[in-house]
């Protein structure tokens, strides 16, 4: 299983685009709230695989075997409060 920070996929500082340009703009297909008020979003990627991102700890996960159960389990165990969207 591969679990890595979404920051790994961010555009370099010298890039003219934004980091969000490197991430699929697809809408989440499901979401799971955490006890601390964050949300784990699950996306179906263009190749049919699933990926998830947590608004609490920032974990981004992708594998060919990622399932809804993986995302639900992360939501059940994550205790980080949601990141502020204000920069």
PDB file of N, CA and C in Angstrom:
ATOM      1  N   UNK A   1       0.848  -1.165   0.000  1.00  0.00           N
ATOM      2  CA  UNK A   1       0.000   0.000   0.000  1.00  0.00           C
ATOM      3  C   UNK A   1       0.894   1.229   0.000  1.00  0.00           C
ATOM      4  N   UNK A   2       0.524   2.223  -0.797  1.00  0.00           N
ATOM      5  CA  UNK A   2       1.273   3.465  -0.878  1.00  0.00           C
ATOM      6  C   UNK A   2       0.476   4.568  -0.216  1.00  0.00           C
ATOM      7  N   UNK A   3       1.051   5.194   0.785  1.00  0.00           N
ATOM      8  CA  UNK A   3       0.425   6.343   1.444  1.00  0.00           C
ATOM      9  C   UNK A   3       1.469   7.432   1.486  1.00  0.00           C
ATOM     10  N   UNK A   4       1.132   8.588   0.941  1.00  0.00           N
ATOM     11  CA  UNK A   4       2.093   9.674   0.877  1.00  0.00           C
ATOM     12  C   UNK A   4       1.373  11.008   0.988  1.00  0.00           C
ATOM     13  N   UNK A   5       2.072  12.021   1.376  1.00  0.00           N
ATOM     14  CA  UNK A   5       1.487  13.357   1.499  1.00  0.00           C
ATOM     15  C   UNK A   5       1.166  13.908   0.122  1.00  0.00           C
ATOM     16  N   UNK A   6       0.055  14.601   0.012  1.00  0.00           N
ATOM     17  CA  UNK A   6      -0.306  15.212  -1.261  1.00  0.00           C
ATOM     18  C   UNK A   6       0.702  16.292  -1.643  1.00  0.00           C
ATOM     19  N   UNK A   7       1.453  16.815  -0.679  1.00  0.00           N
ATOM     20  CA  UNK A   7       2.476  17.824  -0.965  1.00  0.00           C
ATOM     21  C   UNK A   7       3.550  17.272  -1.900  1.00  0.00           C
ATOM     22  N   UNK A   8       3.713  15.960  -1.938  1.00  0.00           N
ATOM     23  CA  UNK A   8       4.681  15.328  -2.827  1.00  0.00           C
ATOM     24  C   UNK A   8       4.371  15.657  -4.274  1.00  0.00           C
ATOM     25  N   UNK A   9       3.103  15.882  -4.572  1.00  0.00           N
ATOM     26  CA  UNK A   9       2.686  16.106  -5.943  1.00  0.00           C
ATOM     27  C   UNK A   9       2.539  17.579  -6.284  1.00  0.00           C
ATOM     28  N   UNK A  10       2.899  18.453  -5.371  1.00  0.00           N
ATOM     29  CA  UNK A  10       2.762  19.892  -5.595  1.00  0.00           C
ATOM     30  C   UNK A  10       3.765  20.363  -6.643  1.00  0.00           C
ATOM     31  N   UNK A  11       3.383  21.376  -7.381  1.00  0.00           N
ATOM     32  CA  UNK A  11       4.268  21.945  -8.394  1.00  0.00           C
ATOM     33  C   UNK A  11       5.454  22.622  -7.717  1.00  0.00           C
ATOM     34  N   UNK A  12       6.636  22.578  -8.334  1.00  0.00           N
ATOM     35  CA  UNK A  12       7.803  23.259  -7.768  1.00  0.00           C
ATOM     36  C   UNK A  12       7.547  24.765  -7.682  1.00  0.00           C
ATOM     37  N   UNK A  13       8.236  25.432  -6.771  1.00  0.00           N
ATOM     38  CA  UNK A  13       8.055  26.868  -6.563  1.00  0.00           C
ATOM     39  C   UNK A  13       8.329  27.665  -7.832  1.00  0.00           C
ATOM     40  N   UNK A  14       9.209  27.173  -8.685  1.00  0.00           N
ATOM     41  CA  UNK A  14       9.550  27.901  -9.900  1.00  0.00           C
ATOM     42  C   UNK A  14       8.517  27.692 -11.004  1.00  0.00           C
ATOM     43  N   UNK A  15       7.563  26.827 -10.794  1.00  0.00           N
ATOM     44  CA  UNK A  15       6.540  26.552 -11.796  1.00  0.00           C
ATOM     45  C   UNK A  15       5.595  27.739 -11.909  1.00  0.00           C
ATOM     46  N   UNK A  16       5.071  27.963 -13.117  1.00  0.00           N
ATOM     47  CA  UNK A  16       4.137  29.070 -13.313  1.00  0.00           C
ATOM     48  C   UNK A  16       2.719  28.694 -12.915  1.00  0.00           C
ATOM     49  N   UNK A  17       2.421  27.412 -12.790  1.00  0.00           N
ATOM     50  CA  UNK A  17       1.087  26.969 -12.401  1.00  0.00           C
ATOM     51  C   UNK A  17       0.963  26.885 -10.892  1.00  0.00           C
ATOM     52  N   UNK A  18      -0.213  26.508 -10.438  1.00  0.00           N
ATOM     53  CA  UNK A  18      -0.422  26.316  -9.011  1.00  0.00           C
ATOM     54  C   UNK A  18      -0.342  24.843  -8.676  1.00  0.00           C
ATOM     55  N   UNK A  19      -0.153  24.537  -7.410  1.00  0.00           N
ATOM     56  CA  UNK A  19      -0.085  23.143  -6.991  1.00  0.00           C
ATOM     57  C   UNK A  19      -1.383  22.425  -7.310  1.00  0.00           C
ATOM     58  N   UNK A  20      -2.518  23.104  -7.224  1.00  0.00           N
ATOM     59  CA  UNK A  20      -3.794  22.455  -7.492  1.00  0.00           C
ATOM     60  C   UNK A  20      -3.914  22.008  -8.940  1.00  0.00           C
ATOM     61  N   UNK A  21      -3.122  22.579  -9.838  1.00  0.00           N
ATOM     62  CA  UNK A  21      -3.158  22.167 -11.234  1.00  0.00           C
ATOM     63  C   UNK A  21      -2.614  20.759 -11.409  1.00  0.00           C
ATOM     64  N   UNK A  22      -1.864  20.267 -10.432  1.00  0.00           N
ATOM     65  CA  UNK A  22      -1.276  18.937 -10.511  1.00  0.00           C
ATOM     66  C   UNK A  22      -2.212  17.867  -9.964  1.00  0.00           C
ATOM     67  N   UNK A  23      -3.287  18.271  -9.322  1.00  0.00           N
ATOM     68  CA  UNK A  23      -4.200  17.344  -8.669  1.00  0.00           C
ATOM     69  C   UNK A  23      -5.484  17.272  -9.471  1.00  0.00           C
ATOM     70  N   UNK A  24      -6.018  16.078  -9.628  1.00  0.00           N
ATOM     71  CA  UNK A  24      -7.244  15.884 -10.383  1.00  0.00           C
ATOM     72  C   UNK A  24      -8.370  16.755  -9.826  1.00  0.00           C
ATOM     73  N   UNK A  25      -9.088  17.478 -10.699  1.00  0.00           N
ATOM     74  CA  UNK A  25     -10.165  18.346 -10.226  1.00  0.00           C
ATOM     75  C   UNK A  25     -11.497  17.608 -10.047  1.00  0.00           C
ATOM     76  N   UNK A  26     -11.497  16.282 -10.108  1.00  0.00           N
ATOM     77  CA  UNK A  26     -12.726  15.519  -9.991  1.00  0.00           C
ATOM     78  C   UNK A  26     -13.412  15.758  -8.654  1.00  0.00           C
ATOM     79  N   UNK A  27     -14.717  15.727  -8.665  1.00  0.00           N
ATOM     80  CA  UNK A  27     -15.490  15.880  -7.431  1.00  0.00           C
ATOM     81  C   UNK A  27     -15.397  14.585  -6.628  1.00  0.00           C
ATOM     82  N   UNK A  28     -15.438  14.685  -5.299  1.00  0.00           N
ATOM     83  CA  UNK A  28     -15.384  13.478  -4.481  1.00  0.00           C
ATOM     84  C   UNK A  28     -16.609  12.593  -4.744  1.00  0.00           C
ATOM     85  N   UNK A  29     -16.394  11.291  -4.702  1.00  0.00           N
ATOM     86  CA  UNK A  29     -17.497  10.347  -4.890  1.00  0.00           C
ATOM     87  C   UNK A  29     -18.126   9.950  -3.560  1.00  0.00           C
ATOM     88  N   UNK A  30     -17.392  10.151  -2.461  1.00  0.00           N
ATOM     89  CA  UNK A  30     -17.934   9.917  -1.125  1.00  0.00           C
ATOM     90  C   UNK A  30     -17.074  10.661  -0.120  1.00  0.00           C
ATOM     91  N   UNK A  31     -17.562  10.762   1.100  1.00  0.00           N
ATOM     92  CA  UNK A  31     -16.805  11.438   2.152  1.00  0.00           C
ATOM     93  C   UNK A  31     -17.182  10.850   3.495  1.00  0.00           C
ATOM     94  N   UNK A  32     -16.225  10.925   4.432  1.00  0.00           N
ATOM     95  CA  UNK A  32     -16.417  10.386   5.775  1.00  0.00           C
ATOM     96  C   UNK A  32     -15.943  11.413   6.786  1.00  0.00           C
ATOM     97  N   UNK A  33     -16.816  11.861   7.686  1.00  0.00           N
ATOM     98  CA  UNK A  33     -16.405  12.830   8.708  1.00  0.00           C
ATOM     99  C   UNK A  33     -15.546  12.172   9.785  1.00  0.00           C
ATOM    100  N   UNK A  34     -14.645  12.959  10.367  1.00  0.00           N
ATOM    101  CA  UNK A  34     -13.829  12.471  11.476  1.00  0.00           C
ATOM    102  C   UNK A  34     -14.396  13.021  12.781  1.00  0.00           C
ATOM    103  N   UNK A  35     -13.979  12.449  13.879  1.00  0.00           N
ATOM    104  CA  UNK A  35     -14.431  12.903  15.198  1.00  0.00           C
ATOM    105  C   UNK A  35     -14.040  14.355  15.461  1.00  0.00           C
ATOM    106  N   UNK A  36     -12.918  14.792  14.897  1.00  0.00           N
ATOM    107  CA  UNK A  36     -12.415  16.151  15.144  1.00  0.00           C
ATOM    108  C   UNK A  36     -13.011  17.192  14.198  1.00  0.00           C
ATOM    109  N   UNK A  37     -13.924  16.782  13.314  1.00  0.00           N
ATOM    110  CA  UNK A  37     -14.557  17.727  12.415  1.00  0.00           C
ATOM    111  C   UNK A  37     -13.943  17.830  11.027  1.00  0.00           C
ATOM    112  N   UNK A  38     -12.916  17.045  10.750  1.00  0.00           N
ATOM    113  CA  UNK A  38     -12.322  17.015   9.412  1.00  0.00           C
ATOM    114  C   UNK A  38     -13.145  16.051   8.548  1.00  0.00           C
ATOM    115  N   UNK A  39     -12.757  15.910   7.289  1.00  0.00           N
ATOM    116  CA  UNK A  39     -13.455  15.018   6.371  1.00  0.00           C
ATOM    117  C   UNK A  39     -12.426  14.271   5.539  1.00  0.00           C
ATOM    118  N   UNK A  40     -12.663  12.969   5.322  1.00  0.00           N
ATOM    119  CA  UNK A  40     -11.856  12.181   4.390  1.00  0.00           C
ATOM    120  C   UNK A  40     -12.678  12.083   3.109  1.00  0.00           C
ATOM    121  N   UNK A  41     -12.169  12.662   2.038  1.00  0.00           N
ATOM    122  CA  UNK A  41     -12.840  12.629   0.739  1.00  0.00           C
ATOM    123  C   UNK A  41     -12.269  11.486  -0.091  1.00  0.00           C
ATOM    124  N   UNK A  42     -13.142  10.764  -0.786  1.00  0.00           N
ATOM    125  CA  UNK A  42     -12.731   9.678  -1.676  1.00  0.00           C
ATOM    126  C   UNK A  42     -13.056  10.111  -3.103  1.00  0.00           C
ATOM    127  N   UNK A  43     -12.093   9.930  -3.998  1.00  0.00           N
ATOM    128  CA  UNK A  43     -12.238  10.306  -5.399  1.00  0.00           C
ATOM    129  C   UNK A  43     -12.082   9.069  -6.272  1.00  0.00           C
ATOM    130  N   UNK A  44     -12.826   9.001  -7.360  1.00  0.00           N
ATOM    131  CA  UNK A  44     -12.600   7.981  -8.379  1.00  0.00           C
ATOM    132  C   UNK A  44     -11.789   8.664  -9.465  1.00  0.00           C
ATOM    133  N   UNK A  45     -10.559   8.203  -9.645  1.00  0.00           N
ATOM    134  CA  UNK A  45      -9.646   8.826 -10.590  1.00  0.00           C
ATOM    135  C   UNK A  45      -9.980   8.418 -12.025  1.00  0.00           C
ATOM    136  N   UNK A  46      -9.401   9.107 -12.982  1.00  0.00           N
ATOM    137  CA  UNK A  46      -9.719   8.868 -14.393  1.00  0.00           C
ATOM    138  C   UNK A  46      -9.409   7.444 -14.844  1.00  0.00           C
ATOM    139  N   UNK A  47      -8.503   6.760 -14.147  1.00  0.00           N
ATOM    140  CA  UNK A  47      -8.184   5.371 -14.512  1.00  0.00           C
ATOM    141  C   UNK A  47      -9.050   4.362 -13.762  1.00  0.00           C
ATOM    142  N   UNK A  48     -10.012   4.843 -12.975  1.00  0.00           N
ATOM    143  CA  UNK A  48     -10.904   3.958 -12.243  1.00  0.00           C
ATOM    144  C   UNK A  48     -10.436   3.611 -10.839  1.00  0.00           C
ATOM    145  N   UNK A  49      -9.206   3.975 -10.491  1.00  0.00           N
ATOM    146  CA  UNK A  49      -8.702   3.705  -9.143  1.00  0.00           C
ATOM    147  C   UNK A  49      -9.273   4.742  -8.183  1.00  0.00           C
ATOM    148  N   UNK A  50      -9.144   4.466  -6.894  1.00  0.00           N
ATOM    149  CA  UNK A  50      -9.619   5.389  -5.872  1.00  0.00           C
ATOM    150  C   UNK A  50      -8.444   6.090  -5.216  1.00  0.00           C
ATOM    151  N   UNK A  51      -8.659   7.311  -4.782  1.00  0.00           N
ATOM    152  CA  UNK A  51      -7.691   8.026  -3.964  1.00  0.00           C
ATOM    153  C   UNK A  51      -8.482   8.715  -2.865  1.00  0.00           C
ATOM    154  N   UNK A  52      -7.799   9.080  -1.790  1.00  0.00           N
ATOM    155  CA  UNK A  52      -8.488   9.771  -0.694  1.00  0.00           C
ATOM    156  C   UNK A  52      -7.583  10.851  -0.135  1.00  0.00           C
ATOM    157  N   UNK A  53      -8.226  11.846   0.456  1.00  0.00           N
ATOM    158  CA  UNK A  53      -7.487  12.943   1.077  1.00  0.00           C
ATOM    159  C   UNK A  53      -8.223  13.355   2.347  1.00  0.00           C
ATOM    160  N   UNK A  54      -7.449  13.549   3.419  1.00  0.00           N
ATOM    161  CA  UNK A  54      -8.010  13.942   4.710  1.00  0.00           C
ATOM    162  C   UNK A  54      -7.769  15.427   4.937  1.00  0.00           C
ATOM    163  N   UNK A  55      -8.830  16.163   5.286  1.00  0.00           N
ATOM    164  CA  UNK A  55      -8.686  17.599   5.547  1.00  0.00           C
ATOM    165  C   UNK A  55      -8.142  17.867   6.941  1.00  0.00           C
ATOM    166  N   UNK A  56      -7.978  16.826   7.740  1.00  0.00           N
ATOM    167  CA  UNK A  56      -7.407  16.972   9.078  1.00  0.00           C
ATOM    168  C   UNK A  56      -5.898  16.849   9.034  1.00  0.00           C
ATOM    169  N   UNK A  57      -5.398  15.644   8.863  1.00  0.00           N
ATOM    170  CA  UNK A  57      -3.947  15.419   8.895  1.00  0.00           C
ATOM    171  C   UNK A  57      -3.288  15.667   7.549  1.00  0.00           C
ATOM    172  N   UNK A  58      -4.082  15.793   6.491  1.00  0.00           N
ATOM    173  CA  UNK A  58      -3.512  16.046   5.171  1.00  0.00           C
ATOM    174  C   UNK A  58      -3.096  14.797   4.427  1.00  0.00           C
ATOM    175  N   UNK A  59      -3.355  13.624   4.999  1.00  0.00           N
ATOM    176  CA  UNK A  59      -2.938  12.390   4.327  1.00  0.00           C
ATOM    177  C   UNK A  59      -3.615  12.251   2.970  1.00  0.00           C
ATOM    178  N   UNK A  60      -2.814  11.954   1.967  1.00  0.00           N
ATOM    179  CA  UNK A  60      -3.306  11.612   0.637  1.00  0.00           C
ATOM    180  C   UNK A  60      -2.932  10.158   0.426  1.00  0.00           C
ATOM    181  N   UNK A  61      -3.893   9.346   0.020  1.00  0.00           N
ATOM    182  CA  UNK A  61      -3.610   7.923  -0.188  1.00  0.00           C
ATOM    183  C   UNK A  61      -4.093   7.503  -1.560  1.00  0.00           C
ATOM    184  N   UNK A  62      -3.288   6.697  -2.234  1.00  0.00           N
ATOM    185  CA  UNK A  62      -3.676   6.123  -3.521  1.00  0.00           C
ATOM    186  C   UNK A  62      -3.024   4.759  -3.652  1.00  0.00           C
ATOM    187  N   UNK A  63      -3.778   3.780  -3.988  1.00  0.00           N
ATOM    188  CA  UNK A  63      -3.258   2.482  -4.397  1.00  0.00           C
ATOM    189  C   UNK A  63      -4.294   1.852  -5.307  1.00  0.00           C
ATOM    190  N   UNK A  64      -3.897   0.849  -6.039  1.00  0.00           N
ATOM    191  CA  UNK A  64      -4.866   0.120  -6.851  1.00  0.00           C
ATOM    192  C   UNK A  64      -5.849  -0.630  -5.968  1.00  0.00           C
ATOM    193  N   UNK A  65      -5.477  -0.818  -4.691  1.00  0.00           N
ATOM    194  CA  UNK A  65      -6.311  -1.580  -3.774  1.00  0.00           C
ATOM    195  C   UNK A  65      -7.020  -0.708  -2.749  1.00  0.00           C
ATOM    196  N   UNK A  66      -6.930   0.623  -2.868  1.00  0.00           N
ATOM    197  CA  UNK A  66      -7.614   1.501  -1.922  1.00  0.00           C
ATOM    198  C   UNK A  66      -9.114   1.253  -2.013  1.00  0.00           C
ATOM    199  N   UNK A  67      -9.758   1.140  -0.874  1.00  0.00           N
ATOM    200  CA  UNK A  67     -11.195   0.878  -0.835  1.00  0.00           C
ATOM    201  C   UNK A  67     -11.886   1.916   0.032  1.00  0.00           C
ATOM    202  N   UNK A  68     -13.196   1.914  -0.033  1.00  0.00           N
ATOM    203  CA  UNK A  68     -13.987   2.783   0.828  1.00  0.00           C
ATOM    204  C   UNK A  68     -13.704   2.452   2.295  1.00  0.00           C
ATOM    205  N   UNK A  69     -13.444   1.183   2.593  1.00  0.00           N
ATOM    206  CA  UNK A  69     -13.165   0.764   3.973  1.00  0.00           C
ATOM    207  C   UNK A  69     -11.885   1.417   4.480  1.00  0.00           C
ATOM    208  N   UNK A  70     -10.863   1.535   3.636  1.00  0.00           N
ATOM    209  CA  UNK A  70      -9.620   2.210   4.020  1.00  0.00           C
ATOM    210  C   UNK A  70      -9.915   3.651   4.422  1.00  0.00           C
ATOM    211  N   UNK A  71     -10.692   4.357   3.587  1.00  0.00           N
ATOM    212  CA  UNK A  71     -11.016   5.758   3.865  1.00  0.00           C
ATOM    213  C   UNK A  71     -11.853   5.869   5.141  1.00  0.00           C
ATOM    214  N   UNK A  72     -12.821   4.994   5.299  1.00  0.00           N
ATOM    215  CA  UNK A  72     -13.658   5.010   6.503  1.00  0.00           C
ATOM    216  C   UNK A  72     -12.799   4.771   7.742  1.00  0.00           C
ATOM    217  N   UNK A  73     -11.882   3.817   7.670  1.00  0.00           N
ATOM    218  CA  UNK A  73     -11.014   3.518   8.807  1.00  0.00           C
ATOM    219  C   UNK A  73     -10.149   4.732   9.154  1.00  0.00           C
ATOM    220  N   UNK A  74      -9.614   5.400   8.140  1.00  0.00           N
ATOM    221  CA  UNK A  74      -8.806   6.591   8.410  1.00  0.00           C
ATOM    222  C   UNK A  74      -9.661   7.649   9.109  1.00  0.00           C
ATOM    223  N   UNK A  75     -10.894   7.862   8.632  1.00  0.00           N
ATOM    224  CA  UNK A  75     -11.788   8.840   9.255  1.00  0.00           C
ATOM    225  C   UNK A  75     -12.088   8.457  10.703  1.00  0.00           C
ATOM    226  N   UNK A  76     -12.197   7.181  10.962  1.00  0.00           N
ATOM    227  CA  UNK A  76     -12.496   6.691  12.314  1.00  0.00           C
ATOM    228  C   UNK A  76     -11.333   6.955  13.267  1.00  0.00           C
ATOM    229  N   UNK A  77     -10.099   6.897  12.765  1.00  0.00           N
ATOM    230  CA  UNK A  77      -8.927   6.997  13.629  1.00  0.00           C
ATOM    231  C   UNK A  77      -8.247   8.364  13.639  1.00  0.00           C
ATOM    232  N   UNK A  78      -8.485   9.220  12.636  1.00  0.00           N
ATOM    233  CA  UNK A  78      -7.813  10.525  12.571  1.00  0.00           C
ATOM    234  C   UNK A  78      -8.393  11.469  13.615  1.00  0.00           C
ATOM    235  N   UNK A  79      -7.543  12.103  14.382  1.00  0.00           N
ATOM    236  CA  UNK A  79      -7.983  13.019  15.440  1.00  0.00           C
ATOM    237  C   UNK A  79      -7.523  14.457  15.199  1.00  0.00           C
ATOM    238  N   UNK A  80      -7.030  14.740  14.008  1.00  0.00           N
ATOM    239  CA  UNK A  80      -6.568  16.104  13.681  1.00  0.00           C
ATOM    240  C   UNK A  80      -7.754  16.975  13.281  1.00  0.00           C
ATOM    241  N   UNK A  81      -7.752  18.212  13.747  1.00  0.00           N
ATOM    242  CA  UNK A  81      -8.799  19.162  13.362  1.00  0.00           C
ATOM    243  C   UNK A  81      -8.579  19.568  11.913  1.00  0.00           C
ATOM    244  N   UNK A  82      -9.626  20.016  11.237  1.00  0.00           N
ATOM    245  CA  UNK A  82      -9.477  20.408   9.835  1.00  0.00           C
ATOM    246  C   UNK A  82      -8.509  21.582   9.681  1.00  0.00           C
ATOM    247  N   UNK A  83      -7.767  21.556   8.581  1.00  0.00           N
ATOM    248  CA  UNK A  83      -6.866  22.660   8.257  1.00  0.00           C
ATOM    249  C   UNK A  83      -7.692  23.876   7.902  1.00  0.00           C
ATOM    250  N   UNK A  84      -7.211  25.037   8.258  1.00  0.00           N
ATOM    251  CA  UNK A  84      -7.882  26.283   7.865  1.00  0.00           C
ATOM    252  C   UNK A  84      -7.657  26.504   6.390  1.00  0.00           C
ATOM    253  N   UNK A  85      -8.700  26.910   5.677  1.00  0.00           N
ATOM    254  CA  UNK A  85      -8.558  27.179   4.249  1.00  0.00           C
ATOM    255  C   UNK A  85      -7.989  28.576   3.993  1.00  0.00           C
ATOM    256  N   UNK A  86      -7.904  29.397   5.027  1.00  0.00           N
ATOM    257  CA  UNK A  86      -7.334  30.749   4.874  1.00  0.00           C
ATOM    258  C   UNK A  86      -5.818  30.649   4.839  1.00  0.00           C
ATOM    259  N   UNK A  87      -5.217  31.341   3.896  1.00  0.00           N
ATOM    260  CA  UNK A  87      -3.759  31.284   3.770  1.00  0.00           C
ATOM    261  C   UNK A  87      -3.110  32.529   4.343  1.00  0.00           C
TER     262      UNK A  87
END
